[in-house]
Amino acid sequence: MLSHGAYNNAVGLCIACPITSKVKGYPFEVSLPSGLPVYGVVLADHIKSVDWAARQSEFICECPAEVLEDVLQKLEPLIY
């Protein structure tokens, strides 16, 4: 999830990038480190606005800071 909790709670949406277990070596994939309850890669260029309440989303784990930083670095040339 890229958006802040205040935004998420205020509008009932969150801005997120999906995670897939199908690693393809795509340049915008960001690998998740081992030891997390989820595995695979973040698809940094697949930004989504998600109605987390309607999807009954649940918190699984916090993204490591280095993964979030890598995702944001890959996004920067796409949005600026």
N, C-alpha and C. Protein backbone atom coordinates (compact mmCIF):
# COMPACT_ATOMS: atom_id res chain seq x y z
N MET A 1 0.85 -1.16 0.00
CA MET A 1 0.00 0.00 0.00
C MET A 1 0.90 1.23 0.00
N LEU A 2 0.60 2.15 -0.89
CA LEU A 2 1.41 3.35 -1.01
C LEU A 2 0.80 4.55 -0.30
N SER A 3 -0.51 4.56 -0.15
CA SER A 3 -1.18 5.71 0.45
C SER A 3 -1.15 5.65 1.97
N HIS A 4 -1.33 6.82 2.58
CA HIS A 4 -1.31 6.94 4.04
C HIS A 4 -2.64 6.50 4.64
N GLY A 5 -2.59 6.04 5.87
CA GLY A 5 -3.77 5.58 6.57
C GLY A 5 -4.85 6.64 6.68
N ALA A 6 -4.47 7.90 6.85
CA ALA A 6 -5.46 8.98 6.95
C ALA A 6 -6.29 9.08 5.67
N TYR A 7 -5.63 8.99 4.53
CA TYR A 7 -6.33 9.00 3.24
C TYR A 7 -7.21 7.76 3.11
N ASN A 8 -6.65 6.61 3.41
CA ASN A 8 -7.38 5.35 3.27
C ASN A 8 -8.67 5.37 4.08
N ASN A 9 -8.59 5.82 5.32
CA ASN A 9 -9.76 5.84 6.19
C ASN A 9 -10.76 6.92 5.79
N ALA A 10 -10.27 8.05 5.29
CA ALA A 10 -11.15 9.16 4.92
C ALA A 10 -12.01 8.84 3.70
N VAL A 11 -11.42 8.16 2.71
CA VAL A 11 -12.15 7.93 1.46
C VAL A 11 -12.54 6.47 1.24
N GLY A 12 -12.04 5.57 2.08
CA GLY A 12 -12.37 4.15 1.93
C GLY A 12 -11.64 3.48 0.79
N LEU A 13 -10.61 4.13 0.29
CA LEU A 13 -9.79 3.58 -0.78
C LEU A 13 -8.34 3.56 -0.33
N CYS A 14 -7.53 2.79 -1.04
CA CYS A 14 -6.09 2.86 -0.84
C CYS A 14 -5.43 2.81 -2.20
N ILE A 15 -4.23 3.33 -2.28
CA ILE A 15 -3.44 3.26 -3.50
C ILE A 15 -2.37 2.21 -3.24
N ALA A 16 -2.33 1.21 -4.11
CA ALA A 16 -1.45 0.07 -3.86
C ALA A 16 -0.87 -0.47 -5.16
N CYS A 17 0.16 -1.28 -5.03
CA CYS A 17 0.73 -2.03 -6.13
C CYS A 17 0.50 -3.51 -5.83
N PRO A 18 0.09 -4.28 -6.82
CA PRO A 18 -0.16 -5.70 -6.57
C PRO A 18 1.13 -6.48 -6.38
N ILE A 19 0.99 -7.63 -5.75
CA ILE A 19 2.09 -8.58 -5.56
C ILE A 19 1.72 -9.85 -6.31
N THR A 20 2.67 -10.40 -7.05
CA THR A 20 2.44 -11.66 -7.75
C THR A 20 3.54 -12.65 -7.39
N SER A 21 3.18 -13.92 -7.43
CA SER A 21 4.18 -14.97 -7.18
C SER A 21 4.85 -15.41 -8.48
N LYS A 22 4.37 -14.89 -9.61
CA LYS A 22 4.92 -15.26 -10.93
C LYS A 22 6.01 -14.27 -11.32
N VAL A 23 7.23 -14.58 -10.96
CA VAL A 23 8.37 -13.72 -11.24
C VAL A 23 8.78 -13.89 -12.70
N LYS A 24 8.81 -12.78 -13.45
CA LYS A 24 9.13 -12.84 -14.87
C LYS A 24 10.40 -12.08 -15.23
N GLY A 25 11.01 -11.40 -14.26
CA GLY A 25 12.20 -10.63 -14.54
C GLY A 25 11.91 -9.29 -15.19
N TYR A 26 10.69 -8.83 -15.08
CA TYR A 26 10.24 -7.56 -15.64
C TYR A 26 10.95 -6.42 -14.91
N PRO A 27 11.36 -5.35 -15.62
CA PRO A 27 12.14 -4.28 -14.98
C PRO A 27 11.46 -3.57 -13.82
N PHE A 28 10.13 -3.62 -13.76
CA PHE A 28 9.43 -2.92 -12.69
C PHE A 28 9.03 -3.84 -11.54
N GLU A 29 9.53 -5.06 -11.54
CA GLU A 29 9.31 -5.97 -10.41
C GLU A 29 10.26 -5.61 -9.27
N VAL A 30 9.75 -5.67 -8.06
CA VAL A 30 10.57 -5.47 -6.87
C VAL A 30 10.40 -6.72 -6.01
N SER A 31 11.48 -7.44 -5.80
CA SER A 31 11.42 -8.69 -5.05
C SER A 31 11.17 -8.46 -3.58
N LEU A 32 10.33 -9.30 -3.01
CA LEU A 32 10.10 -9.29 -1.57
C LEU A 32 11.14 -10.19 -0.92
N PRO A 33 11.70 -9.78 0.21
CA PRO A 33 12.70 -10.61 0.88
C PRO A 33 12.05 -11.86 1.49
N SER A 34 12.84 -12.89 1.66
CA SER A 34 12.33 -14.10 2.30
C SER A 34 12.04 -13.80 3.77
N GLY A 35 11.18 -14.61 4.34
CA GLY A 35 10.83 -14.44 5.75
C GLY A 35 9.53 -13.69 5.97
N LEU A 36 8.95 -13.13 4.91
CA LEU A 36 7.66 -12.46 5.03
C LEU A 36 6.54 -13.48 4.82
N PRO A 37 5.34 -13.21 5.31
CA PRO A 37 4.23 -14.14 5.10
C PRO A 37 3.70 -14.14 3.66
N VAL A 38 4.16 -13.20 2.83
CA VAL A 38 3.83 -13.19 1.41
C VAL A 38 5.14 -13.30 0.63
N TYR A 39 5.08 -13.83 -0.57
CA TYR A 39 6.29 -14.00 -1.36
C TYR A 39 6.01 -13.59 -2.80
N GLY A 40 7.07 -13.30 -3.52
CA GLY A 40 6.94 -12.92 -4.92
C GLY A 40 7.54 -11.55 -5.17
N VAL A 41 6.91 -10.81 -6.08
CA VAL A 41 7.41 -9.50 -6.45
C VAL A 41 6.27 -8.48 -6.47
N VAL A 42 6.61 -7.25 -6.14
CA VAL A 42 5.68 -6.13 -6.26
C VAL A 42 5.76 -5.64 -7.70
N LEU A 43 4.61 -5.42 -8.33
CA LEU A 43 4.58 -4.87 -9.69
C LEU A 43 4.43 -3.35 -9.56
N ALA A 44 5.58 -2.68 -9.54
CA ALA A 44 5.63 -1.25 -9.21
C ALA A 44 4.89 -0.37 -10.20
N ASP A 45 4.74 -0.81 -11.44
CA ASP A 45 4.07 0.03 -12.43
C ASP A 45 2.59 -0.32 -12.61
N HIS A 46 2.05 -1.15 -11.75
CA HIS A 46 0.63 -1.52 -11.81
C HIS A 46 -0.13 -0.85 -10.67
N ILE A 47 -0.03 0.44 -10.56
CA ILE A 47 -0.66 1.18 -9.47
C ILE A 47 -2.18 1.05 -9.56
N LYS A 48 -2.80 0.75 -8.43
CA LYS A 48 -4.25 0.55 -8.38
C LYS A 48 -4.86 1.38 -7.25
N SER A 49 -6.07 1.85 -7.49
CA SER A 49 -6.88 2.42 -6.43
C SER A 49 -7.87 1.33 -6.04
N VAL A 50 -7.84 0.93 -4.78
CA VAL A 50 -8.59 -0.24 -4.33
C VAL A 50 -9.59 0.15 -3.25
N ASP A 51 -10.83 -0.30 -3.39
CA ASP A 51 -11.84 -0.14 -2.35
C ASP A 51 -11.60 -1.26 -1.34
N TRP A 52 -10.73 -0.98 -0.37
CA TRP A 52 -10.30 -2.02 0.56
C TRP A 52 -11.44 -2.53 1.43
N ALA A 53 -12.41 -1.69 1.73
CA ALA A 53 -13.53 -2.12 2.57
C ALA A 53 -14.42 -3.10 1.80
N ALA A 54 -14.74 -2.78 0.55
CA ALA A 54 -15.59 -3.65 -0.26
C ALA A 54 -14.91 -4.99 -0.53
N ARG A 55 -13.59 -4.98 -0.64
CA ARG A 55 -12.84 -6.22 -0.88
C ARG A 55 -12.53 -6.97 0.42
N GLN A 56 -12.95 -6.40 1.53
CA GLN A 56 -12.71 -7.00 2.85
C GLN A 56 -11.23 -7.32 3.04
N SER A 57 -10.39 -6.35 2.69
CA SER A 57 -8.94 -6.51 2.80
C SER A 57 -8.51 -6.61 4.26
N GLU A 58 -7.45 -7.34 4.48
CA GLU A 58 -6.89 -7.50 5.82
C GLU A 58 -5.40 -7.20 5.78
N PHE A 59 -4.91 -6.61 6.86
CA PHE A 59 -3.48 -6.34 7.01
C PHE A 59 -2.75 -7.67 7.18
N ILE A 60 -1.71 -7.89 6.40
CA ILE A 60 -0.91 -9.12 6.51
C ILE A 60 0.42 -8.83 7.16
N CYS A 61 1.15 -7.85 6.62
CA CYS A 61 2.45 -7.50 7.20
C CYS A 61 2.87 -6.13 6.67
N GLU A 62 3.83 -5.55 7.34
CA GLU A 62 4.37 -4.27 6.90
C GLU A 62 5.46 -4.51 5.87
N CYS A 63 5.46 -3.67 4.86
CA CYS A 63 6.46 -3.76 3.81
C CYS A 63 7.80 -3.24 4.35
N PRO A 64 8.88 -3.98 4.13
CA PRO A 64 10.19 -3.48 4.56
C PRO A 64 10.51 -2.15 3.87
N ALA A 65 11.14 -1.26 4.60
CA ALA A 65 11.44 0.08 4.10
C ALA A 65 12.22 0.05 2.78
N GLU A 66 13.17 -0.87 2.64
CA GLU A 66 13.97 -0.92 1.42
C GLU A 66 13.13 -1.34 0.21
N VAL A 67 12.11 -2.15 0.42
CA VAL A 67 11.22 -2.55 -0.68
C VAL A 67 10.38 -1.34 -1.10
N LEU A 68 9.81 -0.64 -0.14
CA LEU A 68 9.02 0.55 -0.45
C LEU A 68 9.86 1.59 -1.18
N GLU A 69 11.08 1.79 -0.73
CA GLU A 69 11.98 2.75 -1.38
C GLU A 69 12.25 2.35 -2.83
N ASP A 70 12.48 1.07 -3.06
CA ASP A 70 12.73 0.57 -4.42
C ASP A 70 11.50 0.76 -5.31
N VAL A 71 10.31 0.47 -4.77
CA VAL A 71 9.07 0.67 -5.53
C VAL A 71 8.92 2.14 -5.90
N LEU A 72 9.12 3.03 -4.95
CA LEU A 72 8.98 4.47 -5.21
C LEU A 72 10.01 4.96 -6.22
N GLN A 73 11.23 4.42 -6.18
CA GLN A 73 12.26 4.80 -7.15
C GLN A 73 11.87 4.37 -8.56
N LYS A 74 11.25 3.21 -8.68
CA LYS A 74 10.82 2.73 -9.99
C LYS A 74 9.62 3.53 -10.51
N LEU A 75 8.80 4.04 -9.60
CA LEU A 75 7.63 4.84 -9.98
C LEU A 75 8.01 6.25 -10.42
N GLU A 76 9.03 6.80 -9.82
CA GLU A 76 9.38 8.20 -10.04
C GLU A 76 9.47 8.59 -11.52
N PRO A 77 10.21 7.85 -12.36
CA PRO A 77 10.28 8.28 -13.77
C PRO A 77 8.96 8.14 -14.52
N LEU A 78 8.03 7.37 -13.97
CA LEU A 78 6.74 7.20 -14.62
C LEU A 78 5.77 8.33 -14.32
N ILE A 79 5.95 9.01 -13.19
CA ILE A 79 4.97 10.03 -12.80
C ILE A 79 5.53 11.45 -12.76
N TYR A 80 6.84 11.62 -12.92
CA TYR A 80 7.41 12.97 -12.91
C TYR A 80 8.03 13.29 -14.25
